[in-house]
Amino acid sequence: MNPDLNSLPMLFSALHKKMMEQHHKLLIEAGLSRIHIPYLMILSEHKEGLTQKEMIDRLFLDKAHASRALRDLIDKRMIRKDEETIYKNKYYLEEDGMHIIKKMNETTQALRMRIFSELDDDEMALFKRLTEKLLKLLE
């Protein structure tokens, strides 16, 4: 294998890490960590609420992980849980959680603009085609 190819996964990982560092600052200010991000994100996409099982099935995370993260988010008033039944309670994003998601989306958009503004239209199209091709190979 070409030695230059060995560095590609590390480069993608480094790019992802740098982007996550920006989110990490927002999370620390809110007293949150990375484990909370998937739950905030998925609840922001489902205004009608989701059960814990629905979230773990969609996020491919384990029940214990979800229980801890959801309990933390409730304690920090980022989400709420309906109390109508013992089982199948739905979780909903609260105003503070929406605020965090909004700030994360703004940060992500600014980072994307900063990164992709360095690519011209042809480079951007090539990057997109190559990334899609590589992802299909891994499916």
C-alpha atoms as a PDB file:
ATOM      1  CA  MET A   1       0.000   0.000   0.000  1.00  0.00           C
ATOM      2  CA  ASN A   2       1.175   3.499  -0.772  1.00  0.00           C
ATOM      3  CA  PRO A   3       2.586   5.036   2.462  1.00  0.00           C
ATOM      4  CA  ASP A   4       0.757   8.291   1.731  1.00  0.00           C
ATOM      5  CA  LEU A   5      -2.558   6.429   2.003  1.00  0.00           C
ATOM      6  CA  ASN A   6      -1.755   5.353   5.546  1.00  0.00           C
ATOM      7  CA  SER A   7      -2.036   8.945   6.711  1.00  0.00           C
ATOM      8  CA  LEU A   8      -5.534   9.558   5.298  1.00  0.00           C
ATOM      9  CA  PRO A   9      -7.474   8.092   8.250  1.00  0.00           C
ATOM     10  CA  MET A  10      -5.274  10.091  10.628  1.00  0.00           C
ATOM     11  CA  LEU A  11      -5.925  13.277   8.638  1.00  0.00           C
ATOM     12  CA  PHE A  12      -9.698  12.724   8.719  1.00  0.00           C
ATOM     13  CA  SER A  13      -9.484  11.991  12.427  1.00  0.00           C
ATOM     14  CA  ALA A  14      -7.435  15.141  13.060  1.00  0.00           C
ATOM     15  CA  LEU A  15      -9.935  17.238  11.092  1.00  0.00           C
ATOM     16  CA  HIS A  16     -12.824  15.793  13.090  1.00  0.00           C
ATOM     17  CA  LYS A  17     -10.964  16.339  16.367  1.00  0.00           C
ATOM     18  CA  LYS A  18     -10.275  19.990  15.550  1.00  0.00           C
ATOM     19  CA  MET A  19     -13.926  20.553  14.744  1.00  0.00           C
ATOM     20  CA  MET A  20     -15.010  18.831  17.973  1.00  0.00           C
ATOM     21  CA  GLU A  21     -12.676  21.059  20.020  1.00  0.00           C
ATOM     22  CA  GLN A  22     -14.892  24.001  19.132  1.00  0.00           C
ATOM     23  CA  HIS A  23     -17.984  22.127  20.334  1.00  0.00           C
ATOM     24  CA  HIS A  24     -16.148  21.031  23.462  1.00  0.00           C
ATOM     25  CA  LYS A  25     -15.808  24.673  24.554  1.00  0.00           C
ATOM     26  CA  LEU A  26     -19.582  25.147  24.299  1.00  0.00           C
ATOM     27  CA  LEU A  27     -20.241  21.931  26.177  1.00  0.00           C
ATOM     28  CA  ILE A  28     -17.913  22.826  29.043  1.00  0.00           C
ATOM     29  CA  GLU A  29     -19.678  26.164  29.484  1.00  0.00           C
ATOM     30  CA  ALA A  30     -22.964  24.250  29.836  1.00  0.00           C
ATOM     31  CA  GLY A  31     -21.481  21.584  32.121  1.00  0.00           C
ATOM     32  CA  LEU A  32     -21.893  18.898  29.461  1.00  0.00           C
ATOM     33  CA  SER A  33     -19.594  16.472  27.663  1.00  0.00           C
ATOM     34  CA  ARG A  34     -19.459  14.675  24.316  1.00  0.00           C
ATOM     35  CA  ILE A  35     -21.674  11.848  25.540  1.00  0.00           C
ATOM     36  CA  HIS A  36     -24.603  14.272  25.618  1.00  0.00           C
ATOM     37  CA  ILE A  37     -24.330  15.477  22.010  1.00  0.00           C
ATOM     38  CA  PRO A  38     -26.128  12.592  20.260  1.00  0.00           C
ATOM     39  CA  TYR A  39     -29.154  12.844  22.553  1.00  0.00           C
ATOM     40  CA  LEU A  40     -29.463  16.606  22.169  1.00  0.00           C
ATOM     41  CA  MET A  41     -29.071  16.317  18.407  1.00  0.00           C
ATOM     42  CA  ILE A  42     -31.634  13.554  17.927  1.00  0.00           C
ATOM     43  CA  LEU A  43     -34.177  15.239  20.195  1.00  0.00           C
ATOM     44  CA  SER A  44     -33.728  18.489  18.269  1.00  0.00           C
ATOM     45  CA  GLU A  45     -34.837  16.586  15.156  1.00  0.00           C
ATOM     46  CA  HIS A  46     -37.875  15.014  16.853  1.00  0.00           C
ATOM     47  CA  LYS A  47     -40.085  17.681  18.405  1.00  0.00           C
ATOM     48  CA  GLU A  48     -42.700  15.009  19.136  1.00  0.00           C
ATOM     49  CA  GLY A  49     -40.244  13.395  21.543  1.00  0.00           C
ATOM     50  CA  LEU A  50     -38.579   9.993  21.606  1.00  0.00           C
ATOM     51  CA  THR A  51     -38.393   7.151  24.085  1.00  0.00           C
ATOM     52  CA  GLN A  52     -35.032   5.985  25.390  1.00  0.00           C
ATOM     53  CA  LYS A  53     -35.337   2.810  23.291  1.00  0.00           C
ATOM     54  CA  GLU A  54     -36.055   4.808  20.136  1.00  0.00           C
ATOM     55  CA  MET A  55     -32.963   6.907  20.759  1.00  0.00           C
ATOM     56  CA  ILE A  56     -30.623   3.994  21.440  1.00  0.00           C
ATOM     57  CA  ASP A  57     -31.926   2.121  18.406  1.00  0.00           C
ATOM     58  CA  ARG A  58     -31.274   5.121  16.164  1.00  0.00           C
ATOM     59  CA  LEU A  59     -27.959   6.101  17.744  1.00  0.00           C
ATOM     60  CA  PHE A  60     -26.596   2.553  18.138  1.00  0.00           C
ATOM     61  CA  LEU A  61     -25.673   3.239  21.764  1.00  0.00           C
ATOM     62  CA  ASP A  62     -26.179   1.019  24.782  1.00  0.00           C
ATOM     63  CA  LYS A  63     -28.911   1.386  27.385  1.00  0.00           C
ATOM     64  CA  ALA A  64     -26.557   2.139  30.316  1.00  0.00           C
ATOM     65  CA  HIS A  65     -24.845   4.904  28.323  1.00  0.00           C
ATOM     66  CA  ALA A  66     -28.230   6.377  27.429  1.00  0.00           C
ATOM     67  CA  SER A  67     -29.558   6.207  30.990  1.00  0.00           C
ATOM     68  CA  ARG A  68     -26.582   8.141  32.375  1.00  0.00           C
ATOM     69  CA  ALA A  69     -26.567  10.749  29.633  1.00  0.00           C
ATOM     70  CA  LEU A  70     -30.331  11.316  29.758  1.00  0.00           C
ATOM     71  CA  ARG A  71     -30.328  11.595  33.554  1.00  0.00           C
ATOM     72  CA  ASP A  72     -27.530  14.209  33.320  1.00  0.00           C
ATOM     73  CA  LEU A  73     -29.449  16.167  30.694  1.00  0.00           C
ATOM     74  CA  ILE A  74     -32.612  16.146  32.813  1.00  0.00           C
ATOM     75  CA  ASP A  75     -30.630  17.320  35.872  1.00  0.00           C
ATOM     76  CA  LYS A  76     -29.172  20.172  33.811  1.00  0.00           C
ATOM     77  CA  ARG A  77     -32.632  21.041  32.472  1.00  0.00           C
ATOM     78  CA  MET A  78     -31.593  20.494  28.861  1.00  0.00           C
ATOM     79  CA  ILE A  79     -34.321  17.907  28.308  1.00  0.00           C
ATOM     80  CA  ARG A  80     -37.454  16.760  30.094  1.00  0.00           C
ATOM     81  CA  LYS A  81     -39.165  13.408  30.411  1.00  0.00           C
ATOM     82  CA  ASP A  82     -42.902  12.957  30.486  1.00  0.00           C
ATOM     83  CA  GLU A  83     -44.099  11.170  33.600  1.00  0.00           C
ATOM     84  CA  GLU A  84     -47.343   9.741  32.281  1.00  0.00           C
ATOM     85  CA  THR A  85     -46.285   6.104  32.488  1.00  0.00           C
ATOM     86  CA  ILE A  86     -43.515   4.137  34.096  1.00  0.00           C
ATOM     87  CA  TYR A  87     -42.445   2.642  30.767  1.00  0.00           C
ATOM     88  CA  LYS A  88     -42.046   4.249  27.376  1.00  0.00           C
ATOM     89  CA  ASN A  89     -41.687   7.789  28.670  1.00  0.00           C
ATOM     90  CA  LYS A  90     -40.807  10.255  25.974  1.00  0.00           C
ATOM     91  CA  TYR A  91     -37.995  12.765  26.236  1.00  0.00           C
ATOM     92  CA  TYR A  92     -38.200  16.287  24.845  1.00  0.00           C
ATOM     93  CA  LEU A  93     -35.660  19.018  24.261  1.00  0.00           C
ATOM     94  CA  GLU A  94     -36.063  22.013  26.580  1.00  0.00           C
ATOM     95  CA  GLU A  95     -35.180  25.662  25.901  1.00  0.00           C
ATOM     96  CA  ASP A  96     -31.648  25.334  27.359  1.00  0.00           C
ATOM     97  CA  GLY A  97     -31.035  22.267  25.201  1.00  0.00           C
ATOM     98  CA  MET A  98     -32.314  24.098  22.134  1.00  0.00           C
ATOM     99  CA  HIS A  99     -29.944  26.949  22.936  1.00  0.00           C
ATOM    100  CA  ILE A 100     -26.950  24.560  23.045  1.00  0.00           C
ATOM    101  CA  ILE A 101     -27.997  22.940  19.747  1.00  0.00           C
ATOM    102  CA  LYS A 102     -28.375  26.355  18.130  1.00  0.00           C
ATOM    103  CA  LYS A 103     -24.896  27.413  19.273  1.00  0.00           C
ATOM    104  CA  MET A 104     -23.404  24.110  18.113  1.00  0.00           C
ATOM    105  CA  ASN A 105     -25.058  24.475  14.702  1.00  0.00           C
ATOM    106  CA  GLU A 106     -23.742  28.029  14.381  1.00  0.00           C
ATOM    107  CA  THR A 107     -20.243  26.862  15.324  1.00  0.00           C
ATOM    108  CA  THR A 108     -20.438  23.965  12.869  1.00  0.00           C
ATOM    109  CA  GLN A 109     -21.607  26.250  10.081  1.00  0.00           C
ATOM    110  CA  ALA A 110     -18.782  28.729  10.756  1.00  0.00           C
ATOM    111  CA  LEU A 111     -16.231  25.908  10.770  1.00  0.00           C
ATOM    112  CA  ARG A 112     -17.569  24.493   7.516  1.00  0.00           C
ATOM    113  CA  MET A 113     -17.404  27.904   5.895  1.00  0.00           C
ATOM    114  CA  ARG A 114     -13.839  28.378   7.111  1.00  0.00           C
ATOM    115  CA  ILE A 115     -12.727  24.947   5.929  1.00  0.00           C
ATOM    116  CA  PHE A 116     -14.555  24.737   2.632  1.00  0.00           C
ATOM    117  CA  SER A 117     -13.924  28.354   1.617  1.00  0.00           C
ATOM    118  CA  GLU A 118     -10.378  27.166   0.892  1.00  0.00           C
ATOM    119  CA  LEU A 119     -11.674  24.840  -1.835  1.00  0.00           C
ATOM    120  CA  ASP A 120     -12.801  26.032  -5.245  1.00  0.00           C
ATOM    121  CA  ASP A 121     -15.931  24.575  -6.845  1.00  0.00           C
ATOM    122  CA  ASP A 122     -14.046  21.809  -8.672  1.00  0.00           C
ATOM    123  CA  GLU A 123     -12.138  20.784  -5.529  1.00  0.00           C
ATOM    124  CA  MET A 124     -15.360  20.767  -3.531  1.00  0.00           C
ATOM    125  CA  ALA A 125     -17.136  18.582  -6.104  1.00  0.00           C
ATOM    126  CA  LEU A 126     -14.162  16.192  -6.182  1.00  0.00           C
ATOM    127  CA  PHE A 127     -14.014  16.041  -2.377  1.00  0.00           C
ATOM    128  CA  LYS A 128     -17.728  15.230  -2.231  1.00  0.00           C
ATOM    129  CA  ARG A 129     -17.485  12.529  -4.922  1.00  0.00           C
ATOM    130  CA  LEU A 130     -14.450  10.909  -3.284  1.00  0.00           C
ATOM    131  CA  THR A 131     -16.001  10.933   0.183  1.00  0.00           C
ATOM    132  CA  GLU A 132     -19.254   9.422  -1.089  1.00  0.00           C
ATOM    133  CA  LYS A 133     -17.319   6.762  -2.993  1.00  0.00           C
ATOM    134  CA  LEU A 134     -15.276   5.821   0.075  1.00  0.00           C
ATOM    135  CA  LEU A 135     -18.375   5.648   2.277  1.00  0.00           C
ATOM    136  CA  LYS A 136     -20.115   3.329  -0.223  1.00  0.00           C
ATOM    137  CA  LEU A 137     -17.135   0.984  -0.086  1.00  0.00           C
ATOM    138  CA  LEU A 138     -17.542   0.697   3.686  1.00  0.00           C
ATOM    139  CA  GLU A 139     -21.263  -0.102   3.595  1.00  0.00           C
END
